[in-house]
Amino acid sequence: MKNADKPLAWLHGEIRTPPMSSSARIEAGYLLRLLQTGEKLSLPHLRPMPKIGTRCHELRIVDENKTWRIVYRIDLDAILILEVFEKKTQQTPQQVIENCKRRIAMYKK
């Protein structure tokens, strides 16, 4: 890793084939790698998630007939992976938001 690279800290979730297709898993890995090297992503790949907290975002991964989300937070020393889930509705489920907030609070302790 380069000096500027940030490690991924997996607090919850994983990226596996299945349930993700191989191409979706590769795209997710590629986008996470860009984040690790400090690249700034924007729509359609990234959306801010201020309901969860500051520096929180979701990566959008379009699969064959599913849509995946990877919720993460950029900290000074790492990129925290808070949740990986299949998005089935327009809004992020409240339970996902609450779980992510709880994981951030636990990480800070």
C-alpha atoms as a PDB file:
ATOM      1  CA  MET A   1       0.000   0.000   0.000  1.00  0.00           C
ATOM      2  CA  LYS A   2       1.048   3.557  -0.635  1.00  0.00           C
ATOM      3  CA  ASN A   3       1.455   5.921   2.319  1.00  0.00           C
ATOM      4  CA  ALA A   4      -1.840   7.629   1.441  1.00  0.00           C
ATOM      5  CA  ASP A   5      -3.773   4.351   1.234  1.00  0.00           C
ATOM      6  CA  LYS A   6      -6.353   3.772   3.945  1.00  0.00           C
ATOM      7  CA  PRO A   7      -7.184   0.256   5.109  1.00  0.00           C
ATOM      8  CA  LEU A   8     -10.743  -1.025   5.014  1.00  0.00           C
ATOM      9  CA  ALA A   9     -12.160  -1.784   8.466  1.00  0.00           C
ATOM     10  CA  TRP A  10     -15.075  -4.189   8.056  1.00  0.00           C
ATOM     11  CA  LEU A  11     -17.491  -3.549  10.925  1.00  0.00           C
ATOM     12  CA  HIS A  12     -20.272  -5.497   9.218  1.00  0.00           C
ATOM     13  CA  GLY A  13     -21.046  -7.223   5.928  1.00  0.00           C
ATOM     14  CA  GLU A  14     -19.027  -8.831   3.210  1.00  0.00           C
ATOM     15  CA  ILE A  15     -18.818  -8.921  -0.553  1.00  0.00           C
ATOM     16  CA  ARG A  16     -19.202 -12.455  -1.837  1.00  0.00           C
ATOM     17  CA  THR A  17     -20.193 -14.316  -4.962  1.00  0.00           C
ATOM     18  CA  PRO A  18     -22.964 -15.433  -4.490  1.00  0.00           C
ATOM     19  CA  PRO A  19     -25.124 -13.532  -3.606  1.00  0.00           C
ATOM     20  CA  MET A  20     -23.450 -10.811  -5.697  1.00  0.00           C
ATOM     21  CA  SER A  21     -22.546 -11.665  -9.256  1.00  0.00           C
ATOM     22  CA  SER A  22     -18.859 -11.866 -10.024  1.00  0.00           C
ATOM     23  CA  SER A  23     -18.991  -8.631 -12.030  1.00  0.00           C
ATOM     24  CA  ALA A  24     -20.741  -6.760  -9.174  1.00  0.00           C
ATOM     25  CA  ARG A  25     -18.131  -8.032  -6.693  1.00  0.00           C
ATOM     26  CA  ILE A  26     -15.326  -6.858  -8.989  1.00  0.00           C
ATOM     27  CA  GLU A  27     -16.961  -3.423  -9.388  1.00  0.00           C
ATOM     28  CA  ALA A  28     -17.371  -3.115  -5.610  1.00  0.00           C
ATOM     29  CA  GLY A  29     -13.719  -4.013  -5.087  1.00  0.00           C
ATOM     30  CA  TYR A  30     -12.603  -1.531  -7.722  1.00  0.00           C
ATOM     31  CA  LEU A  31     -14.654   1.320  -6.207  1.00  0.00           C
ATOM     32  CA  LEU A  32     -13.450   0.524  -2.680  1.00  0.00           C
ATOM     33  CA  ARG A  33      -9.867   0.532  -3.956  1.00  0.00           C
ATOM     34  CA  LEU A  34     -10.394   3.996  -5.461  1.00  0.00           C
ATOM     35  CA  LEU A  35     -11.659   5.212  -2.085  1.00  0.00           C
ATOM     36  CA  GLN A  36      -8.621   3.729  -0.348  1.00  0.00           C
ATOM     37  CA  THR A  37      -6.299   5.730  -2.581  1.00  0.00           C
ATOM     38  CA  GLY A  38      -8.160   8.978  -1.890  1.00  0.00           C
ATOM     39  CA  GLU A  39     -10.176   9.251  -5.119  1.00  0.00           C
ATOM     40  CA  LYS A  40     -13.306  11.355  -4.874  1.00  0.00           C
ATOM     41  CA  LEU A  41     -16.323   9.496  -6.228  1.00  0.00           C
ATOM     42  CA  SER A  42     -19.683  11.030  -7.148  1.00  0.00           C
ATOM     43  CA  LEU A  43     -23.047  10.037  -8.586  1.00  0.00           C
ATOM     44  CA  PRO A  44     -23.979   7.538  -9.872  1.00  0.00           C
ATOM     45  CA  HIS A  45     -21.560   5.520  -7.737  1.00  0.00           C
ATOM     46  CA  LEU A  46     -21.733   7.448  -4.490  1.00  0.00           C
ATOM     47  CA  ARG A  47     -24.376   9.191  -2.438  1.00  0.00           C
ATOM     48  CA  PRO A  48     -23.807  11.026   0.871  1.00  0.00           C
ATOM     49  CA  MET A  49     -25.643   9.602   3.901  1.00  0.00           C
ATOM     50  CA  PRO A  50     -25.922  12.517   6.382  1.00  0.00           C
ATOM     51  CA  LYS A  51     -28.748  10.688   8.227  1.00  0.00           C
ATOM     52  CA  ILE A  52     -26.099   8.230   9.430  1.00  0.00           C
ATOM     53  CA  GLY A  53     -23.365  10.754  10.206  1.00  0.00           C
ATOM     54  CA  THR A  54     -20.631  12.985   8.883  1.00  0.00           C
ATOM     55  CA  ARG A  55     -18.338  11.471   6.248  1.00  0.00           C
ATOM     56  CA  CYS A  56     -20.858   8.640   5.685  1.00  0.00           C
ATOM     57  CA  HIS A  57     -21.744   7.549   2.164  1.00  0.00           C
ATOM     58  CA  GLU A  58     -23.182   4.648   0.241  1.00  0.00           C
ATOM     59  CA  LEU A  59     -21.655   3.019  -2.790  1.00  0.00           C
ATOM     60  CA  ARG A  60     -24.174   1.967  -5.407  1.00  0.00           C
ATOM     61  CA  ILE A  61     -23.484  -1.329  -7.119  1.00  0.00           C
ATOM     62  CA  VAL A  62     -25.882  -2.347  -9.906  1.00  0.00           C
ATOM     63  CA  ASP A  63     -25.980  -6.112 -10.325  1.00  0.00           C
ATOM     64  CA  GLU A  64     -27.716  -8.274 -12.939  1.00  0.00           C
ATOM     65  CA  ASN A  65     -31.186  -7.908 -11.395  1.00  0.00           C
ATOM     66  CA  LYS A  66     -30.391  -6.498  -7.951  1.00  0.00           C
ATOM     67  CA  THR A  67     -28.989  -3.313  -6.540  1.00  0.00           C
ATOM     68  CA  TRP A  68     -26.432  -3.444  -3.719  1.00  0.00           C
ATOM     69  CA  ARG A  69     -25.357  -0.763  -1.284  1.00  0.00           C
ATOM     70  CA  ILE A  70     -22.154  -0.544   0.721  1.00  0.00           C
ATOM     71  CA  VAL A  71     -22.482   1.995   3.514  1.00  0.00           C
ATOM     72  CA  TYR A  72     -19.147   3.348   4.728  1.00  0.00           C
ATOM     73  CA  ARG A  73     -17.528   6.198   6.609  1.00  0.00           C
ATOM     74  CA  ILE A  74     -14.200   7.828   5.823  1.00  0.00           C
ATOM     75  CA  ASP A  75     -12.145   8.268   8.988  1.00  0.00           C
ATOM     76  CA  LEU A  76      -8.657   9.727   9.252  1.00  0.00           C
ATOM     77  CA  ASP A  77      -7.043   6.307   9.584  1.00  0.00           C
ATOM     78  CA  ALA A  78      -9.423   3.942   7.742  1.00  0.00           C
ATOM     79  CA  ILE A  79     -12.540   3.475   5.682  1.00  0.00           C
ATOM     80  CA  LEU A  80     -15.167   1.877   7.912  1.00  0.00           C
ATOM     81  CA  ILE A  81     -17.510  -0.544   6.163  1.00  0.00           C
ATOM     82  CA  LEU A  82     -20.746  -0.255   8.140  1.00  0.00           C
ATOM     83  CA  GLU A  83     -23.214  -2.323   6.106  1.00  0.00           C
ATOM     84  CA  VAL A  84     -23.613  -4.250   2.852  1.00  0.00           C
ATOM     85  CA  PHE A  85     -27.164  -4.915   1.741  1.00  0.00           C
ATOM     86  CA  GLU A  86     -29.479  -5.429  -1.204  1.00  0.00           C
ATOM     87  CA  LYS A  87     -31.534  -2.308  -1.796  1.00  0.00           C
ATOM     88  CA  LYS A  88     -35.154  -3.165  -2.523  1.00  0.00           C
ATOM     89  CA  THR A  89     -36.895   0.188  -1.990  1.00  0.00           C
ATOM     90  CA  GLN A  90     -36.236   3.840  -2.789  1.00  0.00           C
ATOM     91  CA  GLN A  91     -35.384   4.723   0.812  1.00  0.00           C
ATOM     92  CA  THR A  92     -32.688   3.175   2.944  1.00  0.00           C
ATOM     93  CA  PRO A  93     -34.433   1.061   5.606  1.00  0.00           C
ATOM     94  CA  GLN A  94     -34.488   2.746   9.025  1.00  0.00           C
ATOM     95  CA  GLN A  95     -33.013  -0.407  10.584  1.00  0.00           C
ATOM     96  CA  VAL A  96     -29.931  -0.075   8.347  1.00  0.00           C
ATOM     97  CA  ILE A  97     -29.495   3.571   9.387  1.00  0.00           C
ATOM     98  CA  GLU A  98     -29.797   2.720  13.087  1.00  0.00           C
ATOM     99  CA  ASN A  99     -27.411  -0.244  12.802  1.00  0.00           C
ATOM    100  CA  CYS A 100     -24.815   1.945  11.071  1.00  0.00           C
ATOM    101  CA  LYS A 101     -25.078   4.635  13.777  1.00  0.00           C
ATOM    102  CA  ARG A 102     -24.676   1.973  16.455  1.00  0.00           C
ATOM    103  CA  ARG A 103     -21.589   0.509  14.744  1.00  0.00           C
ATOM    104  CA  ILE A 104     -19.973   3.961  14.533  1.00  0.00           C
ATOM    105  CA  ALA A 105     -20.637   4.566  18.235  1.00  0.00           C
ATOM    106  CA  MET A 106     -19.149   1.176  19.139  1.00  0.00           C
ATOM    107  CA  TYR A 107     -16.101   1.843  16.942  1.00  0.00           C
ATOM    108  CA  LYS A 108     -15.431   5.175  18.677  1.00  0.00           C
ATOM    109  CA  LYS A 109     -15.200   3.543  22.129  1.00  0.00           C
END
